[in-house]
Amino acid sequence: MAIILGIDPGSRITGFGVILFERSKAQYIASGCIRVKEGSLASRLEQIYAGVSEVIDTWKPTEFAIEEVFLARNPDSALKLGQARGVAIVAAANKGLDVAEYSARKVKQSVVGNGAADKSQVQHMVQSILALPAKPQADAADALAIALCHAHTWQSLVRLAGQATTSRRGRMR
């Protein structure tokens, strides 16, 4: 059993999604957005750190996954996104969580089956996989997709590890 926190970092809105993953089944726990108020960059980063820390304290995840930085057309936006991502990672590390990182393309491939899927496709699939009554807000859906990607990756690694320790006849190698 794992409680997985997925984070979709942003300098203005940081999405979060929490799922329970047990016996190859994902179950929705919570999701939402940390909305950052106007202010200096330092103030906004502190709000992200405090928000992510509060989510961790509230839901007690055992796993933490975050989207990797992608190359943006605007270097200033990419730097701000990297800083927002960094404070979220520090919040997780300060709570003793290991950090898993996934590219946006891998997340979309894992959840939608298409690495070039758009936001509405991600929202639809997250709603379907987690049996939600309505589409989650876009940033929260992205964060839930990151958590689902981590669950699928973790499950695959566990399966591979099991195959590496037994032969076809079930004997230890």
Protein backbone atom coordinates (compact mmCIF):
# COMPACT_ATOMS: atom_id res chain seq x y z
CA MET A 1 0.00 0.00 0.00
CA ALA A 2 1.25 3.46 -0.86
CA ILE A 3 -0.17 6.93 -0.41
CA ILE A 4 1.23 8.91 -3.32
CA LEU A 5 1.39 12.70 -3.52
CA GLY A 6 1.75 14.11 -7.01
CA ILE A 7 2.77 17.74 -7.51
CA ASP A 8 2.31 19.85 -10.64
CA PRO A 9 4.53 22.83 -9.80
CA GLY A 10 3.79 26.37 -10.84
CA SER A 11 4.85 29.82 -9.68
CA ARG A 12 1.21 30.98 -9.47
CA ILE A 13 -0.76 27.73 -9.09
CA THR A 14 0.71 24.48 -7.81
CA GLY A 15 -1.55 21.47 -8.22
CA PHE A 16 -1.53 18.54 -5.84
CA GLY A 17 -3.14 15.12 -5.99
CA VAL A 18 -3.16 12.35 -3.41
CA ILE A 19 -4.05 8.74 -4.22
CA LEU A 20 -3.99 5.43 -2.39
CA PHE A 21 -2.41 2.68 -4.47
CA GLU A 22 -3.04 -0.82 -3.24
CA ARG A 23 -3.15 -4.18 -5.04
CA SER A 24 -2.76 -2.56 -8.46
CA LYS A 25 -5.75 -0.26 -7.85
CA ALA A 26 -5.67 3.51 -7.47
CA GLN A 27 -8.16 5.27 -5.23
CA TYR A 28 -8.70 9.02 -5.01
CA ILE A 29 -7.97 10.64 -1.64
CA ALA A 30 -7.69 14.39 -2.30
CA SER A 31 -6.62 17.05 -4.78
CA GLY A 32 -6.52 20.77 -5.12
CA CYS A 33 -4.43 23.81 -5.86
CA ILE A 34 -2.07 25.96 -3.87
CA ARG A 35 -2.88 29.43 -5.18
CA VAL A 36 -0.05 31.88 -4.60
CA LYS A 37 -0.87 35.47 -3.70
CA GLU A 38 0.91 38.38 -5.33
CA GLY A 39 4.15 39.47 -3.75
CA SER A 40 7.88 39.16 -4.08
CA LEU A 41 9.33 35.98 -5.55
CA ALA A 42 10.63 34.99 -2.12
CA SER A 43 7.14 35.43 -0.63
CA ARG A 44 5.54 33.35 -3.38
CA LEU A 45 8.12 30.57 -2.98
CA GLU A 46 7.50 30.53 0.78
CA GLN A 47 3.77 30.13 0.13
CA ILE A 48 4.43 27.13 -2.14
CA TYR A 49 6.75 25.58 0.45
CA ALA A 50 4.18 26.11 3.23
CA GLY A 51 1.35 24.78 1.07
CA VAL A 52 3.18 21.61 0.04
CA SER A 53 4.30 21.06 3.65
CA GLU A 54 0.69 21.40 4.82
CA VAL A 55 -0.51 18.88 2.22
CA ILE A 56 2.18 16.43 3.38
CA ASP A 57 1.26 16.95 7.04
CA THR A 58 -2.45 16.49 6.28
CA TRP A 59 -2.35 13.39 4.05
CA LYS A 60 0.89 11.70 5.25
CA PRO A 61 2.04 10.38 1.86
CA THR A 62 4.59 7.58 1.68
CA GLU A 63 5.61 8.48 -1.89
CA PHE A 64 6.23 11.85 -3.58
CA ALA A 65 6.26 12.47 -7.33
CA ILE A 66 6.74 15.72 -9.21
CA GLU A 67 6.85 16.82 -12.83
CA GLU A 68 10.26 17.61 -14.29
CA VAL A 69 10.96 21.06 -15.67
CA PHE A 70 10.36 21.31 -19.39
CA LEU A 71 12.04 23.75 -21.72
CA ALA A 72 9.84 26.81 -22.02
CA ARG A 73 9.98 29.46 -24.68
CA ASN A 74 10.37 32.13 -22.02
CA PRO A 75 13.57 31.64 -19.96
CA ASP A 76 12.20 33.79 -17.12
CA SER A 77 9.12 31.52 -16.82
CA ALA A 78 11.32 28.41 -16.85
CA LEU A 79 13.47 29.82 -14.04
CA LYS A 80 10.43 30.65 -11.89
CA LEU A 81 8.97 27.20 -12.53
CA GLY A 82 12.29 25.62 -11.53
CA GLN A 83 12.33 27.59 -8.30
CA ALA A 84 8.71 26.62 -7.50
CA ARG A 85 9.61 23.01 -8.21
CA GLY A 86 12.69 23.29 -6.02
CA VAL A 87 10.80 24.50 -2.94
CA ALA A 88 8.25 21.69 -3.38
CA ILE A 89 11.10 19.17 -3.50
CA VAL A 90 12.69 20.69 -0.38
CA ALA A 91 9.34 20.47 1.44
CA ALA A 92 9.18 16.75 0.60
CA ALA A 93 12.83 16.13 1.50
CA ASN A 94 12.38 17.93 4.84
CA LYS A 95 9.50 15.52 5.61
CA GLY A 96 11.70 12.52 4.82
CA LEU A 97 10.14 11.63 1.47
CA ASP A 98 12.12 10.36 -1.50
CA VAL A 99 11.44 12.33 -4.66
CA ALA A 100 10.51 10.73 -7.98
CA GLU A 101 10.54 12.90 -11.09
CA TYR A 102 8.65 12.34 -14.34
CA SER A 103 8.58 14.21 -17.63
CA ALA A 104 5.25 15.61 -18.78
CA ARG A 105 5.44 13.32 -21.79
CA LYS A 106 5.88 10.21 -19.62
CA VAL A 107 2.98 11.25 -17.37
CA LYS A 108 0.66 11.74 -20.36
CA GLN A 109 1.81 8.46 -21.92
CA SER A 110 1.17 6.61 -18.66
CA VAL A 111 -2.32 8.02 -18.06
CA VAL A 112 -3.70 8.78 -21.54
CA GLY A 113 -1.57 6.50 -23.72
CA ASN A 114 -0.37 9.46 -25.76
CA GLY A 115 2.64 11.55 -24.72
CA ALA A 116 1.28 14.53 -26.67
CA ALA A 117 -2.19 14.51 -25.04
CA ASP A 118 -3.78 17.84 -24.18
CA LYS A 119 -5.02 18.96 -20.76
CA SER A 120 -8.65 18.02 -21.41
CA GLN A 121 -7.63 14.44 -22.32
CA VAL A 122 -5.61 14.19 -19.09
CA GLN A 123 -8.57 15.52 -17.09
CA HIS A 124 -10.93 13.02 -18.74
CA MET A 125 -8.67 10.02 -18.11
CA VAL A 126 -7.94 11.01 -14.51
CA GLN A 127 -11.69 11.33 -13.92
CA SER A 128 -12.27 7.92 -15.50
CA ILE A 129 -9.40 6.06 -13.78
CA LEU A 130 -10.25 7.42 -10.33
CA ALA A 131 -14.05 7.26 -10.85
CA LEU A 132 -14.49 10.94 -9.97
CA PRO A 133 -17.96 12.50 -10.29
CA ALA A 134 -16.59 15.47 -12.28
CA LYS A 135 -13.44 16.53 -14.08
CA PRO A 136 -10.89 17.88 -11.62
CA GLN A 137 -9.43 21.37 -12.13
CA ALA A 138 -6.61 21.21 -14.72
CA ASP A 139 -3.66 21.69 -12.32
CA ALA A 140 -5.12 19.20 -9.83
CA ALA A 141 -5.75 16.72 -12.68
CA ASP A 142 -2.12 17.05 -13.79
CA ALA A 143 -0.97 16.38 -10.21
CA LEU A 144 -3.23 13.31 -9.96
CA ALA A 145 -1.84 12.13 -13.30
CA ILE A 146 1.69 12.47 -11.91
CA ALA A 147 0.67 10.36 -8.87
CA LEU A 148 -0.90 7.75 -11.19
CA CYS A 149 2.24 7.69 -13.36
CA HIS A 150 4.32 7.06 -10.25
CA ALA A 151 1.97 4.25 -9.18
CA HIS A 152 2.20 2.60 -12.61
CA THR A 153 5.99 2.98 -12.69
CA TRP A 154 6.35 1.64 -9.14
CA GLN A 155 4.09 -1.33 -9.95
CA SER A 156 6.15 -2.13 -13.06
CA LEU A 157 9.40 -1.99 -11.10
CA VAL A 158 8.00 -4.29 -8.39
CA ARG A 159 6.85 -6.71 -11.08
CA LEU A 160 10.29 -6.63 -12.74
CA ALA A 161 12.03 -7.15 -9.42
CA GLY A 162 9.88 -10.21 -8.79
CA GLN A 163 10.78 -11.65 -12.18
CA ALA A 164 14.47 -11.09 -11.53
CA THR A 165 14.43 -13.22 -8.37
CA THR A 166 12.53 -16.26 -9.68
CA SER A 167 12.83 -18.48 -12.70
CA ARG A 168 9.90 -19.68 -14.79
CA ARG A 169 9.51 -22.63 -12.43
CA GLY A 170 9.36 -20.34 -9.39
CA ARG A 171 12.82 -21.22 -8.06
CA MET A 172 15.18 -18.57 -6.78
CA ARG A 173 17.94 -17.69 -9.21
